[in-house]
Amino acid sequence: PIRYRHYGKTTEEMLKKCATFPSDSEERRQLLSMLANNMKKTLYNSTKEVVDDERILKDIKEYIGDSIGDITVEDLKLRSMKELQSKKGNNTNRNNRHNKK
């Protein structure tokens, strides 16, 4: 069973995989940062409330356990709520550019 449904099974599996990386590796830091930002966005989308960065770190620690080491919120490089709430980027679909009259 999935621990937190709003994050999904893929995020859970990626966090477990992340735990297998060496704790001092750059790949692990980058993967944790990407997953943490995805978790923050997913949690915001499911609750529509401001998401505390400490909550994301707590949830990651619950998934990974002691193997996470001494990681801090600053290490996760989480985006701000403003960035998460912003509208989607401009449509860069090349097909649409040529169809405008």
C-alpha atoms as a PDB file:
ATOM      1  CA  PRO A   1       0.000   0.000   0.000  1.00  0.00           C
ATOM      2  CA  ILE A   2       1.045   3.570  -0.690  1.00  0.00           C
ATOM      3  CA  ARG A   3       1.952   5.502   2.448  1.00  0.00           C
ATOM      4  CA  TYR A   4       0.697   8.882   1.219  1.00  0.00           C
ATOM      5  CA  ARG A   5      -1.703   8.631  -1.713  1.00  0.00           C
ATOM      6  CA  HIS A   6      -1.270  12.240  -2.792  1.00  0.00           C
ATOM      7  CA  TYR A   7       2.415  11.615  -3.621  1.00  0.00           C
ATOM      8  CA  GLY A   8       1.756   8.435  -5.545  1.00  0.00           C
ATOM      9  CA  LYS A   9       3.553   5.151  -5.991  1.00  0.00           C
ATOM     10  CA  THR A  10       6.182   6.470  -8.405  1.00  0.00           C
ATOM     11  CA  THR A  11       7.391   9.091  -5.929  1.00  0.00           C
ATOM     12  CA  GLU A  12       7.520   6.450  -3.210  1.00  0.00           C
ATOM     13  CA  GLU A  13       9.565   4.120  -5.408  1.00  0.00           C
ATOM     14  CA  MET A  14      11.926   6.930  -6.459  1.00  0.00           C
ATOM     15  CA  LEU A  15      12.541   7.864  -2.811  1.00  0.00           C
ATOM     16  CA  LYS A  16      13.370   4.241  -2.014  1.00  0.00           C
ATOM     17  CA  LYS A  17      15.760   4.182  -4.973  1.00  0.00           C
ATOM     18  CA  CYS A  18      17.303   7.453  -3.805  1.00  0.00           C
ATOM     19  CA  ALA A  19      18.084   5.821  -0.460  1.00  0.00           C
ATOM     20  CA  THR A  20      20.387   3.366  -2.263  1.00  0.00           C
ATOM     21  CA  PHE A  21      22.640   6.132  -3.627  1.00  0.00           C
ATOM     22  CA  PRO A  22      25.782   7.078  -1.666  1.00  0.00           C
ATOM     23  CA  SER A  23      24.799   9.768   0.854  1.00  0.00           C
ATOM     24  CA  ASP A  24      27.442  12.222  -0.363  1.00  0.00           C
ATOM     25  CA  SER A  25      26.733  11.867  -4.101  1.00  0.00           C
ATOM     26  CA  GLU A  26      25.626  14.757  -6.279  1.00  0.00           C
ATOM     27  CA  GLU A  27      23.109  12.494  -8.027  1.00  0.00           C
ATOM     28  CA  ARG A  28      21.392  11.815  -4.716  1.00  0.00           C
ATOM     29  CA  ARG A  29      21.237  15.525  -3.831  1.00  0.00           C
ATOM     30  CA  GLN A  30      19.780  16.400  -7.233  1.00  0.00           C
ATOM     31  CA  LEU A  31      17.246  13.561  -7.150  1.00  0.00           C
ATOM     32  CA  LEU A  32      16.150  14.482  -3.627  1.00  0.00           C
ATOM     33  CA  SER A  33      15.727  18.099  -4.677  1.00  0.00           C
ATOM     34  CA  MET A  34      13.631  17.170  -7.719  1.00  0.00           C
ATOM     35  CA  LEU A  35      11.505  14.735  -5.728  1.00  0.00           C
ATOM     36  CA  ALA A  36      11.011  17.220  -2.877  1.00  0.00           C
ATOM     37  CA  ASN A  37       9.827  19.918  -5.282  1.00  0.00           C
ATOM     38  CA  ASN A  38       7.497  17.445  -6.963  1.00  0.00           C
ATOM     39  CA  MET A  39       6.150  16.401  -3.567  1.00  0.00           C
ATOM     40  CA  LYS A  40       5.562  20.029  -2.598  1.00  0.00           C
ATOM     41  CA  LYS A  41       3.677  20.720  -5.816  1.00  0.00           C
ATOM     42  CA  THR A  42       1.651  17.513  -5.520  1.00  0.00           C
ATOM     43  CA  LEU A  43       0.720  18.246  -1.911  1.00  0.00           C
ATOM     44  CA  TYR A  44      -0.265  21.801  -2.801  1.00  0.00           C
ATOM     45  CA  ASN A  45      -2.427  20.575  -5.699  1.00  0.00           C
ATOM     46  CA  SER A  46      -4.214  18.062  -3.476  1.00  0.00           C
ATOM     47  CA  THR A  47      -4.808  20.391  -0.505  1.00  0.00           C
ATOM     48  CA  LYS A  48      -4.806  23.878  -2.115  1.00  0.00           C
ATOM     49  CA  GLU A  49      -3.136  25.117   1.072  1.00  0.00           C
ATOM     50  CA  VAL A  50       0.313  26.555   1.670  1.00  0.00           C
ATOM     51  CA  VAL A  51       2.783  23.716   2.070  1.00  0.00           C
ATOM     52  CA  ASP A  52       5.413  23.951   4.790  1.00  0.00           C
ATOM     53  CA  ASP A  53       8.899  22.942   3.634  1.00  0.00           C
ATOM     54  CA  GLU A  54       9.455  21.161   6.961  1.00  0.00           C
ATOM     55  CA  ARG A  55       6.488  18.910   6.156  1.00  0.00           C
ATOM     56  CA  ILE A  56       8.147  17.828   2.906  1.00  0.00           C
ATOM     57  CA  LEU A  57      11.397  17.062   4.739  1.00  0.00           C
ATOM     58  CA  LYS A  58       9.471  15.113   7.414  1.00  0.00           C
ATOM     59  CA  ASP A  59       7.671  13.065   4.755  1.00  0.00           C
ATOM     60  CA  ILE A  60      10.952  12.312   2.955  1.00  0.00           C
ATOM     61  CA  LYS A  61      12.489  11.176   6.236  1.00  0.00           C
ATOM     62  CA  GLU A  62       9.513   8.870   6.816  1.00  0.00           C
ATOM     63  CA  TYR A  63      10.061   7.279   3.410  1.00  0.00           C
ATOM     64  CA  ILE A  64      13.851   7.013   3.505  1.00  0.00           C
ATOM     65  CA  GLY A  65      14.496   6.672   7.229  1.00  0.00           C
ATOM     66  CA  ASP A  66      17.899   7.122   8.822  1.00  0.00           C
ATOM     67  CA  SER A  67      19.757   6.701   5.534  1.00  0.00           C
ATOM     68  CA  ILE A  68      18.842  10.286   4.581  1.00  0.00           C
ATOM     69  CA  GLY A  69      21.525  11.651   6.898  1.00  0.00           C
ATOM     70  CA  ASP A  70      21.651  15.251   8.094  1.00  0.00           C
ATOM     71  CA  ILE A  71      19.768  16.819   5.207  1.00  0.00           C
ATOM     72  CA  THR A  72      18.076  20.166   5.807  1.00  0.00           C
ATOM     73  CA  VAL A  73      15.304  22.088   4.090  1.00  0.00           C
ATOM     74  CA  GLU A  74      17.967  24.328   2.543  1.00  0.00           C
ATOM     75  CA  ASP A  75      19.658  21.270   1.009  1.00  0.00           C
ATOM     76  CA  LEU A  76      16.413  20.380  -0.789  1.00  0.00           C
ATOM     77  CA  LYS A  77      16.335  23.734  -2.649  1.00  0.00           C
ATOM     78  CA  LEU A  78      12.548  23.877  -2.611  1.00  0.00           C
ATOM     79  CA  ARG A  79      10.735  26.343  -4.844  1.00  0.00           C
ATOM     80  CA  SER A  80       8.548  29.014  -3.323  1.00  0.00           C
ATOM     81  CA  MET A  81       4.781  28.683  -3.174  1.00  0.00           C
ATOM     82  CA  LYS A  82       4.552  31.606  -5.606  1.00  0.00           C
ATOM     83  CA  GLU A  83       6.479  29.624  -8.205  1.00  0.00           C
ATOM     84  CA  LEU A  84       4.278  26.588  -7.627  1.00  0.00           C
ATOM     85  CA  GLN A  85       1.089  28.627  -7.938  1.00  0.00           C
ATOM     86  CA  SER A  86       2.123  30.476 -11.099  1.00  0.00           C
ATOM     87  CA  LYS A  87       0.316  29.760 -14.315  1.00  0.00           C
ATOM     88  CA  LYS A  88       1.793  27.313 -16.749  1.00  0.00           C
ATOM     89  CA  GLY A  89       4.475  28.618 -19.066  1.00  0.00           C
ATOM     90  CA  ASN A  90       3.843  30.061 -22.477  1.00  0.00           C
ATOM     91  CA  ASN A  91       2.737  27.643 -25.129  1.00  0.00           C
ATOM     92  CA  THR A  92       5.893  26.825 -27.052  1.00  0.00           C
ATOM     93  CA  ASN A  93       4.273  24.329 -29.363  1.00  0.00           C
ATOM     94  CA  ARG A  94       5.791  25.156 -32.756  1.00  0.00           C
ATOM     95  CA  ASN A  95       2.700  24.012 -34.606  1.00  0.00           C
ATOM     96  CA  ASN A  96       0.581  26.639 -32.904  1.00  0.00           C
ATOM     97  CA  ARG A  97       2.938  29.470 -33.902  1.00  0.00           C
ATOM     98  CA  HIS A  98       2.366  28.944 -37.608  1.00  0.00           C
ATOM     99  CA  ASN A  99      -1.409  28.628 -37.344  1.00  0.00           C
ATOM    100  CA  LYS A 100      -1.966  32.148 -36.012  1.00  0.00           C
ATOM    101  CA  LYS A 101      -3.397  34.647 -38.507  1.00  0.00           C
END
